[in-house]
Full PDB file with SEQRES, HELIX, SHEET, SSBOND, CRYST1, ORIGX, SCALE, CONECT and MASTER records, all heavy atoms in Angstrom:
SEQRES   1 A   38  LEU ALA GLU LEU ASP GLU SER ASP ARG ALA GLU MET LEU          
SEQRES   2 A   38  GLU SER VAL GLY LEU GLU GLU PRO ALA LEU ALA VAL LEU          
SEQRES   3 A   38  ALA ARG ALA ALA TYR ARG THR LEU GLY LEU GLN SER              
HELIX    1 AA1 GLU A    6  VAL A   16  1                                  11    
HELIX    2 AA2 ALA A   22  THR A   33  1                                  12    
CRYST1    1.000    1.000    1.000  90.00  90.00  90.00 P 1           1          
ORIGX1      1.000000  0.000000  0.000000        0.00000                         
ORIGX2      0.000000  1.000000  0.000000        0.00000                         
ORIGX3      0.000000  0.000000  1.000000        0.00000                         
SCALE1      1.000000  0.000000  0.000000        0.00000                         
SCALE2      0.000000  1.000000  0.000000        0.00000                         
SCALE3      0.000000  0.000000  1.000000        0.00000                         
ATOM      1  N   LEU A   1      40.237 120.858  70.010  1.00  0.00           N  
ATOM      2  CA  LEU A   1      39.813 121.954  69.123  1.00  0.00           C  
ATOM      3  C   LEU A   1      40.965 122.489  68.313  1.00  0.00           C  
ATOM      4  O   LEU A   1      40.788 122.840  67.139  1.00  0.00           O  
ATOM      5  CB  LEU A   1      39.173 123.098  70.007  1.00  0.00           C  
ATOM      6  CG  LEU A   1      37.810 122.866  70.585  1.00  0.00           C  
ATOM      7  CD1 LEU A   1      37.523 123.895  71.631  1.00  0.00           C  
ATOM      8  CD2 LEU A   1      36.762 122.861  69.478  1.00  0.00           C  
ATOM      9  N   ALA A   2      42.158 122.547  68.936  1.00  0.00           N  
ATOM     10  CA  ALA A   2      43.314 123.141  68.247  1.00  0.00           C  
ATOM     11  C   ALA A   2      43.695 122.301  67.018  1.00  0.00           C  
ATOM     12  O   ALA A   2      44.360 122.832  66.103  1.00  0.00           O  
ATOM     13  CB  ALA A   2      44.449 123.235  69.224  1.00  0.00           C  
ATOM     14  N   GLU A   3      43.325 121.055  66.981  1.00  0.00           N  
ATOM     15  CA  GLU A   3      43.736 120.190  65.876  1.00  0.00           C  
ATOM     16  C   GLU A   3      42.702 120.211  64.734  1.00  0.00           C  
ATOM     17  O   GLU A   3      42.964 119.620  63.673  1.00  0.00           O  
ATOM     18  CB  GLU A   3      43.907 118.757  66.364  1.00  0.00           C  
ATOM     19  CG  GLU A   3      45.077 118.604  67.363  1.00  0.00           C  
ATOM     20  CD  GLU A   3      45.210 117.209  67.897  1.00  0.00           C  
ATOM     21  OE1 GLU A   3      44.361 116.345  67.536  1.00  0.00           O  
ATOM     22  OE2 GLU A   3      46.148 116.924  68.688  1.00  0.00           O  
ATOM     23  N   LEU A   4      41.554 120.851  64.925  1.00  0.00           N  
ATOM     24  CA  LEU A   4      40.525 120.851  63.911  1.00  0.00           C  
ATOM     25  C   LEU A   4      40.627 122.029  62.967  1.00  0.00           C  
ATOM     26  O   LEU A   4      41.221 123.085  63.319  1.00  0.00           O  
ATOM     27  CB  LEU A   4      39.120 120.903  64.597  1.00  0.00           C  
ATOM     28  CG  LEU A   4      38.795 119.737  65.554  1.00  0.00           C  
ATOM     29  CD1 LEU A   4      37.446 120.017  66.204  1.00  0.00           C  
ATOM     30  CD2 LEU A   4      38.791 118.413  64.813  1.00  0.00           C  
ATOM     31  N   ASP A   5      40.083 121.883  61.770  1.00  0.00           N  
ATOM     32  CA  ASP A   5      40.010 123.062  60.858  1.00  0.00           C  
ATOM     33  C   ASP A   5      38.878 123.959  61.345  1.00  0.00           C  
ATOM     34  O   ASP A   5      38.108 123.597  62.202  1.00  0.00           O  
ATOM     35  CB  ASP A   5      39.840 122.655  59.408  1.00  0.00           C  
ATOM     36  CG  ASP A   5      38.577 121.835  59.130  1.00  0.00           C  
ATOM     37  OD1 ASP A   5      37.535 122.099  59.786  1.00  0.00           O  
ATOM     38  OD2 ASP A   5      38.615 120.973  58.256  1.00  0.00           O  
ATOM     39  N   GLU A   6      38.750 125.122  60.732  1.00  0.00           N  
ATOM     40  CA  GLU A   6      37.856 126.159  61.245  1.00  0.00           C  
ATOM     41  C   GLU A   6      36.406 125.727  61.297  1.00  0.00           C  
ATOM     42  O   GLU A   6      35.651 125.955  62.251  1.00  0.00           O  
ATOM     43  CB  GLU A   6      37.995 127.432  60.400  1.00  0.00           C  
ATOM     44  CG  GLU A   6      37.333 128.653  61.036  1.00  0.00           C  
ATOM     45  CD  GLU A   6      37.642 129.934  60.345  1.00  0.00           C  
ATOM     46  OE1 GLU A   6      38.645 129.978  59.617  1.00  0.00           O  
ATOM     47  OE2 GLU A   6      36.886 130.861  60.513  1.00  0.00           O  
ATOM     48  N   SER A   7      35.937 125.049  60.221  1.00  0.00           N  
ATOM     49  CA  SER A   7      34.526 124.635  60.190  1.00  0.00           C  
ATOM     50  C   SER A   7      34.226 123.538  61.196  1.00  0.00           C  
ATOM     51  O   SER A   7      33.200 123.592  61.890  1.00  0.00           O  
ATOM     52  CB  SER A   7      34.138 124.147  58.778  1.00  0.00           C  
ATOM     53  OG  SER A   7      34.965 123.041  58.400  1.00  0.00           O  
ATOM     54  N   ASP A   8      35.122 122.577  61.352  1.00  0.00           N  
ATOM     55  CA  ASP A   8      34.903 121.528  62.321  1.00  0.00           C  
ATOM     56  C   ASP A   8      34.968 122.072  63.755  1.00  0.00           C  
ATOM     57  O   ASP A   8      34.263 121.611  64.653  1.00  0.00           O  
ATOM     58  CB  ASP A   8      35.939 120.421  62.151  1.00  0.00           C  
ATOM     59  CG  ASP A   8      35.691 119.582  60.877  1.00  0.00           C  
ATOM     60  OD1 ASP A   8      34.561 119.638  60.377  1.00  0.00           O  
ATOM     61  OD2 ASP A   8      36.615 118.928  60.380  1.00  0.00           O  
ATOM     62  N   ARG A   9      35.891 123.049  63.940  1.00  0.00           N  
ATOM     63  CA  ARG A   9      36.007 123.691  65.254  1.00  0.00           C  
ATOM     64  C   ARG A   9      34.728 124.397  65.639  1.00  0.00           C  
ATOM     65  O   ARG A   9      34.249 124.274  66.780  1.00  0.00           O  
ATOM     66  CB  ARG A   9      37.193 124.655  65.265  1.00  0.00           C  
ATOM     67  CG  ARG A   9      37.532 125.201  66.647  1.00  0.00           C  
ATOM     68  CD  ARG A   9      38.671 126.156  66.602  1.00  0.00           C  
ATOM     69  NE  ARG A   9      39.869 125.573  66.060  1.00  0.00           N  
ATOM     70  CZ  ARG A   9      40.566 126.062  65.022  1.00  0.00           C  
ATOM     71  NH1 ARG A   9      40.195 127.173  64.449  1.00  0.00           N  
ATOM     72  NH2 ARG A   9      41.646 125.404  64.610  1.00  0.00           N  
ATOM     73  N   ALA A  10      34.159 125.150  64.698  1.00  0.00           N  
ATOM     74  CA  ALA A  10      32.907 125.870  64.974  1.00  0.00           C  
ATOM     75  C   ALA A  10      31.793 124.892  65.293  1.00  0.00           C  
ATOM     76  O   ALA A  10      30.987 125.140  66.218  1.00  0.00           O  
ATOM     77  CB  ALA A  10      32.553 126.679  63.729  1.00  0.00           C  
ATOM     78  N   GLU A  11      31.771 123.746  64.592  1.00  0.00           N  
ATOM     79  CA  GLU A  11      30.714 122.731  64.845  1.00  0.00           C  
ATOM     80  C   GLU A  11      30.877 122.154  66.235  1.00  0.00           C  
ATOM     81  O   GLU A  11      29.897 121.968  66.973  1.00  0.00           O  
ATOM     82  CB  GLU A  11      30.781 121.667  63.785  1.00  0.00           C  
ATOM     83  CG  GLU A  11      29.688 120.619  63.850  1.00  0.00           C  
ATOM     84  CD  GLU A  11      29.793 119.588  62.753  1.00  0.00           C  
ATOM     85  OE1 GLU A  11      30.296 119.908  61.684  1.00  0.00           O  
ATOM     86  OE2 GLU A  11      29.297 118.451  62.954  1.00  0.00           O  
ATOM     87  N   MET A  12      32.108 121.866  66.621  1.00  0.00           N  
ATOM     88  CA  MET A  12      32.378 121.267  67.923  1.00  0.00           C  
ATOM     89  C   MET A  12      32.049 122.272  69.035  1.00  0.00           C  
ATOM     90  O   MET A  12      31.487 121.893  70.089  1.00  0.00           O  
ATOM     91  CB  MET A  12      33.833 120.794  68.045  1.00  0.00           C  
ATOM     92  CG  MET A  12      34.141 120.014  69.258  1.00  0.00           C  
ATOM     93  SD  MET A  12      35.796 119.230  69.199  1.00  0.00           S  
ATOM     94  CE  MET A  12      35.787 118.307  70.740  1.00  0.00           C  
ATOM     95  N   LEU A  13      32.422 123.523  68.842  1.00  0.00           N  
ATOM     96  CA  LEU A  13      32.110 124.563  69.847  1.00  0.00           C  
ATOM     97  C   LEU A  13      30.613 124.674  70.070  1.00  0.00           C  
ATOM     98  O   LEU A  13      30.157 124.735  71.210  1.00  0.00           O  
ATOM     99  CB  LEU A  13      32.676 125.912  69.411  1.00  0.00           C  
ATOM    100  CG  LEU A  13      34.193 126.121  69.550  1.00  0.00           C  
ATOM    101  CD1 LEU A  13      34.633 127.363  68.818  1.00  0.00           C  
ATOM    102  CD2 LEU A  13      34.578 126.218  71.048  1.00  0.00           C  
ATOM    103  N   GLU A  14      29.864 124.645  68.987  1.00  0.00           N  
ATOM    104  CA  GLU A  14      28.389 124.747  69.082  1.00  0.00           C  
ATOM    105  C   GLU A  14      27.842 123.527  69.817  1.00  0.00           C  
ATOM    106  O   GLU A  14      26.910 123.685  70.636  1.00  0.00           O  
ATOM    107  CB  GLU A  14      27.807 124.853  67.673  1.00  0.00           C  
ATOM    108  CG  GLU A  14      26.272 125.065  67.685  1.00  0.00           C  
ATOM    109  CD  GLU A  14      25.726 125.223  66.312  1.00  0.00           C  
ATOM    110  OE1 GLU A  14      26.458 125.120  65.312  1.00  0.00           O  
ATOM    111  OE2 GLU A  14      24.456 125.333  66.176  1.00  0.00           O  
ATOM    112  N   SER A  15      28.431 122.388  69.578  1.00  0.00           N  
ATOM    113  CA  SER A  15      27.901 121.167  70.216  1.00  0.00           C  
ATOM    114  C   SER A  15      28.111 121.150  71.726  1.00  0.00           C  
ATOM    115  O   SER A  15      27.347 120.512  72.454  1.00  0.00           O  
ATOM    116  CB  SER A  15      28.585 119.903  69.611  1.00  0.00           C  
ATOM    117  OG  SER A  15      29.936 119.810  69.987  1.00  0.00           O  
ATOM    118  N   VAL A  16      29.129 121.890  72.194  1.00  0.00           N  
ATOM    119  CA  VAL A  16      29.400 121.921  73.661  1.00  0.00           C  
ATOM    120  C   VAL A  16      28.913 123.244  74.285  1.00  0.00           C  
ATOM    121  O   VAL A  16      29.112 123.498  75.450  1.00  0.00           O  
ATOM    122  CB  VAL A  16      30.903 121.688  73.969  1.00  0.00           C  
ATOM    123  CG1 VAL A  16      31.349 120.284  73.526  1.00  0.00           C  
ATOM    124  CG2 VAL A  16      31.764 122.785  73.372  1.00  0.00           C  
ATOM    125  N   GLY A  17      28.315 124.084  73.479  1.00  0.00           N  
ATOM    126  CA  GLY A  17      27.715 125.326  73.977  1.00  0.00           C  
ATOM    127  C   GLY A  17      28.688 126.468  74.227  1.00  0.00           C  
ATOM    128  O   GLY A  17      28.429 127.350  75.041  1.00  0.00           O  
ATOM    129  N   LEU A  18      29.797 126.512  73.509  1.00  0.00           N  
ATOM    130  CA  LEU A  18      30.774 127.585  73.652  1.00  0.00           C  
ATOM    131  C   LEU A  18      30.750 128.503  72.405  1.00  0.00           C  
ATOM    132  O   LEU A  18      30.659 127.989  71.309  1.00  0.00           O  
ATOM    133  CB  LEU A  18      32.194 127.025  73.837  1.00  0.00           C  
ATOM    134  CG  LEU A  18      32.440 126.264  75.131  1.00  0.00           C  
ATOM    135  CD1 LEU A  18      33.926 125.738  75.134  1.00  0.00           C  
ATOM    136  CD2 LEU A  18      32.229 127.144  76.356  1.00  0.00           C  
ATOM    137  N   GLU A  19      30.859 129.805  72.615  1.00  0.00           N  
ATOM    138  CA  GLU A  19      30.885 130.724  71.492  1.00  0.00           C  
ATOM    139  C   GLU A  19      32.262 130.853  70.835  1.00  0.00           C  
ATOM    140  O   GLU A  19      32.398 131.123  69.661  1.00  0.00           O  
ATOM    141  CB  GLU A  19      30.459 132.111  71.947  1.00  0.00           C  
ATOM    142  CG  GLU A  19      28.970 132.187  72.392  1.00  0.00           C  
ATOM    143  CD  GLU A  19      28.562 133.597  72.771  1.00  0.00           C  
ATOM    144  OE1 GLU A  19      29.402 134.507  72.686  1.00  0.00           O  
ATOM    145  OE2 GLU A  19      27.410 133.759  73.185  1.00  0.00           O  
ATOM    146  N   GLU A  20      33.303 130.630  71.638  1.00  0.00           N  
ATOM    147  CA  GLU A  20      34.675 130.638  71.120  1.00  0.00           C  
ATOM    148  C   GLU A  20      35.516 129.701  72.022  1.00  0.00           C  
ATOM    149  O   GLU A  20      35.137 129.387  73.134  1.00  0.00           O  
ATOM    150  CB  GLU A  20      35.235 132.085  71.189  1.00  0.00           C  
ATOM    151  CG  GLU A  20      35.307 132.668  72.595  1.00  0.00           C  
ATOM    152  CD  GLU A  20      35.921 134.062  72.593  1.00  0.00           C  
ATOM    153  OE1 GLU A  20      36.562 134.440  71.601  1.00  0.00           O  
ATOM    154  OE2 GLU A  20      35.768 134.773  73.612  1.00  0.00           O  
ATOM    155  N   PRO A  21      36.681 129.279  71.528  1.00  0.00           N  
ATOM    156  CA  PRO A  21      37.540 128.492  72.403  1.00  0.00           C  
ATOM    157  C   PRO A  21      37.904 129.228  73.672  1.00  0.00           C  
ATOM    158  O   PRO A  21      38.103 130.433  73.675  1.00  0.00           O  
ATOM    159  CB  PRO A  21      38.805 128.278  71.517  1.00  0.00           C  
ATOM    160  CG  PRO A  21      38.318 128.448  70.096  1.00  0.00           C  
ATOM    161  CD  PRO A  21      37.263 129.509  70.163  1.00  0.00           C  
ATOM    162  N   ALA A  22      37.952 128.503  74.781  1.00  0.00           N  
ATOM    163  CA  ALA A  22      38.288 129.137  76.051  1.00  0.00           C  
ATOM    164  C   ALA A  22      39.744 129.698  76.021  1.00  0.00           C  
ATOM    165  O   ALA A  22      40.050 130.614  76.770  1.00  0.00           O  
ATOM    166  CB  ALA A  22      38.184 128.123  77.174  1.00  0.00           C  
ATOM    167  N   LEU A  23      40.541 129.183  75.090  1.00  0.00           N  
ATOM    168  CA  LEU A  23      41.914 129.681  74.976  1.00  0.00           C  
ATOM    169  C   LEU A  23      41.923 131.126  74.529  1.00  0.00           C  
ATOM    170  O   LEU A  23      42.850 131.892  74.848  1.00  0.00           O  
ATOM    171  CB  LEU A  23      42.693 128.835  73.965  1.00  0.00           C  
ATOM    172  CG  LEU A  23      42.934 127.380  74.396  1.00  0.00           C  
ATOM    173  CD1 LEU A  23      43.839 126.673  73.334  1.00  0.00           C  
ATOM    174  CD2 LEU A  23      43.556 127.290  75.752  1.00  0.00           C  
ATOM    175  N   ALA A  24      40.916 131.550  73.749  1.00  0.00           N  
ATOM    176  CA  ALA A  24      40.842 132.959  73.313  1.00  0.00           C  
ATOM    177  C   ALA A  24      40.581 133.835  74.563  1.00  0.00           C  
ATOM    178  O   ALA A  24      41.199 134.898  74.701  1.00  0.00           O  
ATOM    179  CB  ALA A  24      39.687 133.150  72.331  1.00  0.00           C  
ATOM    180  N   VAL A  25      39.737 133.364  75.443  1.00  0.00           N  
ATOM    181  CA  VAL A  25      39.447 134.120  76.708  1.00  0.00           C  
ATOM    182  C   VAL A  25      40.706 134.161  77.567  1.00  0.00           C  
ATOM    183  O   VAL A  25      41.033 135.226  78.123  1.00  0.00           O  
ATOM    184  CB  VAL A  25      38.309 133.442  77.478  1.00  0.00           C  
ATOM    185  CG1 VAL A  25      37.995 134.190  78.793  1.00  0.00           C  
ATOM    186  CG2 VAL A  25      37.024 133.359  76.610  1.00  0.00           C  
ATOM    187  N   LEU A  26      41.428 133.078  77.603  1.00  0.00           N  
ATOM    188  CA  LEU A  26      42.646 132.964  78.393  1.00  0.00           C  
ATOM    189  C   LEU A  26      43.719 133.895  77.872  1.00  0.00           C  
ATOM    190  O   LEU A  26      44.405 134.603  78.634  1.00  0.00           O  
ATOM    191  CB  LEU A  26      43.146 131.538  78.414  1.00  0.00           C  
ATOM    192  CG  LEU A  26      44.496 131.243  79.088  1.00  0.00           C  
ATOM    193  CD1 LEU A  26      44.508 131.772  80.511  1.00  0.00           C  
ATOM    194  CD2 LEU A  26      44.859 129.790  79.020  1.00  0.00           C  
ATOM    195  N   ALA A  27      43.910 133.899  76.525  1.00  0.00           N  
ATOM    196  CA  ALA A  27      44.920 134.807  75.939  1.00  0.00           C  
ATOM    197  C   ALA A  27      44.672 136.270  76.269  1.00  0.00           C  
ATOM    198  O   ALA A  27      45.589 136.989  76.638  1.00  0.00           O  
ATOM    199  CB  ALA A  27      44.999 134.589  74.451  1.00  0.00           C  
ATOM    200  N   ARG A  28      43.392 136.674  76.191  1.00  0.00           N  
ATOM    201  CA  ARG A  28      43.053 138.082  76.495  1.00  0.00           C  
ATOM    202  C   ARG A  28      43.262 138.379  77.977  1.00  0.00           C  
ATOM    203  O   ARG A  28      43.723 139.481  78.360  1.00  0.00           O  
ATOM    204  CB  ARG A  28      41.599 138.363  76.090  1.00  0.00           C  
ATOM    205  CG  ARG A  28      41.396 138.384  74.573  1.00  0.00           C  
ATOM    206  CD  ARG A  28      40.036 138.994  74.202  1.00  0.00           C  
ATOM    207  NE  ARG A  28      38.925 138.179  74.636  1.00  0.00           N  
ATOM    208  CZ  ARG A  28      38.344 137.225  73.905  1.00  0.00           C  
ATOM    209  NH1 ARG A  28      38.807 137.015  72.657  1.00  0.00           N  
ATOM    210  NH2 ARG A  28      37.326 136.535  74.334  1.00  0.00           N  
ATOM    211  N   ALA A  29      42.918 137.390  78.848  1.00  0.00           N  
ATOM    212  CA  ALA A  29      43.101 137.608  80.279  1.00  0.00           C  
ATOM    213  C   ALA A  29      44.586 137.693  80.629  1.00  0.00           C  
ATOM    214  O   ALA A  29      44.993 138.482  81.496  1.00  0.00           O  
ATOM    215  CB  ALA A  29      42.434 136.449  81.055  1.00  0.00           C  
ATOM    216  N   ALA A  30      45.398 136.853  80.005  1.00  0.00           N  
ATOM    217  CA  ALA A  30      46.859 136.885  80.231  1.00  0.00           C  
ATOM    218  C   ALA A  30      47.417 138.258  79.819  1.00  0.00           C  
ATOM    219  O   ALA A  30      48.292 138.817  80.456  1.00  0.00           O  
ATOM    220  CB  ALA A  30      47.544 135.804  79.477  1.00  0.00           C  
ATOM    221  N   TYR A  31      46.930 138.764  78.700  1.00  0.00           N  
ATOM    222  CA  TYR A  31      47.324 140.064  78.213  1.00  0.00           C  
ATOM    223  C   TYR A  31      47.040 141.175  79.241  1.00  0.00           C  
ATOM    224  O   TYR A  31      47.878 141.993  79.534  1.00  0.00           O  
ATOM    225  CB  TYR A  31      46.517 140.315  76.931  1.00  0.00           C  
ATOM    226  CG  TYR A  31      47.073 141.307  75.943  1.00  0.00           C  
ATOM    227  CD1 TYR A  31      48.241 141.094  75.271  1.00  0.00           C  
ATOM    228  CD2 TYR A  31      46.323 142.430  75.603  1.00  0.00           C  
ATOM    229  CE1 TYR A  31      48.720 141.994  74.305  1.00  0.00           C  
ATOM    230  CE2 TYR A  31      46.761 143.335  74.671  1.00  0.00           C  
ATOM    231  CZ  TYR A  31      47.961 143.138  74.017  1.00  0.00           C  
ATOM    232  OH  TYR A  31      48.414 144.032  73.060  1.00  0.00           O  
ATOM    233  N   ARG A  32      45.838 141.095  79.811  1.00  0.00           N  
ATOM    234  CA  ARG A  32      45.474 142.087  80.848  1.00  0.00           C  
ATOM    235  C   ARG A  32      46.328 141.924  82.084  1.00  0.00           C  
ATOM    236  O   ARG A  32      46.754 142.890  82.743  1.00  0.00           O  
ATOM    237  CB  ARG A  32      43.976 141.942  81.218  1.00  0.00           C  
ATOM    238  CG  ARG A  32      43.002 142.362  80.155  1.00  0.00           C  
ATOM    239  CD  ARG A  32      41.620 142.442  80.747  1.00  0.00           C  
ATOM    240  NE  ARG A  32      41.094 141.179  81.228  1.00  0.00           N  
ATOM    241  CZ  ARG A  32      40.480 140.281  80.471  1.00  0.00           C  
ATOM    242  NH1 ARG A  32      40.267 140.549  79.185  1.00  0.00           N  
ATOM    243  NH2 ARG A  32      40.040 139.161  80.999  1.00  0.00           N  
ATOM    244  N   THR A  33      46.573 140.657  82.457  1.00  0.00           N  
ATOM    245  CA  THR A  33      47.373 140.385  83.697  1.00  0.00           C  
ATOM    246  C   THR A  33      48.783 140.959  83.539  1.00  0.00           C  
ATOM    247  O   THR A  33      49.369 141.433  84.564  1.00  0.00           O  
ATOM    248  CB  THR A  33      47.447 138.865  83.952  1.00  0.00           C  
ATOM    249  OG1 THR A  33      46.082 138.368  84.108  1.00  0.00           O  
ATOM    250  CG2 THR A  33      48.263 138.539  85.190  1.00  0.00           C  
ATOM    251  N   LEU A  34      49.290 140.937  82.342  1.00  0.00           N  
ATOM    252  CA  LEU A  34      50.644 141.510  82.052  1.00  0.00           C  
ATOM    253  C   LEU A  34      50.621 143.040  82.033  1.00  0.00           C  
ATOM    254  O   LEU A  34      51.665 143.644  81.906  1.00  0.00           O  
ATOM    255  CB  LEU A  34      51.168 140.949  80.745  1.00  0.00           C  
ATOM    256  CG  LEU A  34      51.745 139.552  80.768  1.00  0.00           C  
ATOM    257  CD1 LEU A  34      51.828 138.946  79.406  1.00  0.00           C  
ATOM    258  CD2 LEU A  34      53.101 139.527  81.471  1.00  0.00           C  
ATOM    259  N   GLY A  35      49.406 143.646  82.131  1.00  0.00           N  
ATOM    260  CA  GLY A  35      49.327 145.051  82.098  1.00  0.00           C  
ATOM    261  C   GLY A  35      49.539 145.640  80.721  1.00  0.00           C  
ATOM    262  O   GLY A  35      50.077 146.717  80.516  1.00  0.00           O  
ATOM    263  N   LEU A  36      49.043 144.909  79.673  1.00  0.00           N  
ATOM    264  CA  LEU A  36      49.224 145.315  78.312  1.00  0.00           C  
ATOM    265  C   LEU A  36      47.925 145.769  77.680  1.00  0.00           C  
ATOM    266  O   LEU A  36      46.841 145.430  78.104  1.00  0.00           O  
ATOM    267  CB  LEU A  36      49.784 144.153  77.480  1.00  0.00           C  
ATOM    268  CG  LEU A  36      51.109 143.525  77.996  1.00  0.00           C  
ATOM    269  CD1 LEU A  36      51.436 142.309  77.130  1.00  0.00           C  
ATOM    270  CD2 LEU A  36      52.229 144.573  77.938  1.00  0.00           C  
ATOM    271  N   GLN A  37      48.046 146.550  76.589  1.00  0.00           N  
ATOM    272  CA  GLN A  37      46.889 146.976  75.839  1.00  0.00           C  
ATOM    273  C   GLN A  37      47.334 147.102  74.366  1.00  0.00           C  
ATOM    274  O   GLN A  37      48.510 147.103  74.069  1.00  0.00           O  
ATOM    275  CB  GLN A  37      46.343 148.313  76.339  1.00  0.00           C  
ATOM    276  CG  GLN A  37      47.299 149.500  76.206  1.00  0.00           C  
ATOM    277  CD  GLN A  37      46.738 150.798  76.810  1.00  0.00           C  
ATOM    278  OE1 GLN A  37      45.783 150.776  77.544  1.00  0.00           O  
ATOM    279  NE2 GLN A  37      47.361 151.930  76.448  1.00  0.00           N  
ATOM    280  N   SER A  38      46.335 147.246  73.478  1.00  0.00           N  
ATOM    281  CA  SER A  38      46.638 147.313  72.052  1.00  0.00           C  
ATOM    282  C   SER A  38      46.267 148.654  71.454  1.00  0.00           C  
ATOM    283  O   SER A  38      45.275 149.236  71.844  1.00  0.00           O  
ATOM    284  CB  SER A  38      45.853 146.227  71.301  1.00  0.00           C  
ATOM    285  OG  SER A  38      46.274 144.914  71.688  1.00  0.00           O  
TER     286      SER A  38                                                      
MASTER        0    0    0    2    0    0    0    6  285    1    0    3          
END                                                                             
């Protein structure tokens, strides 16, 4: 997914049933684990 452009990424995500890359979920979880906020 990281190697695709935005439109191809969205198409691939839809094909596998994901709303967003799991990396987005991971980045937010890592942020929380570090005890950070925005």
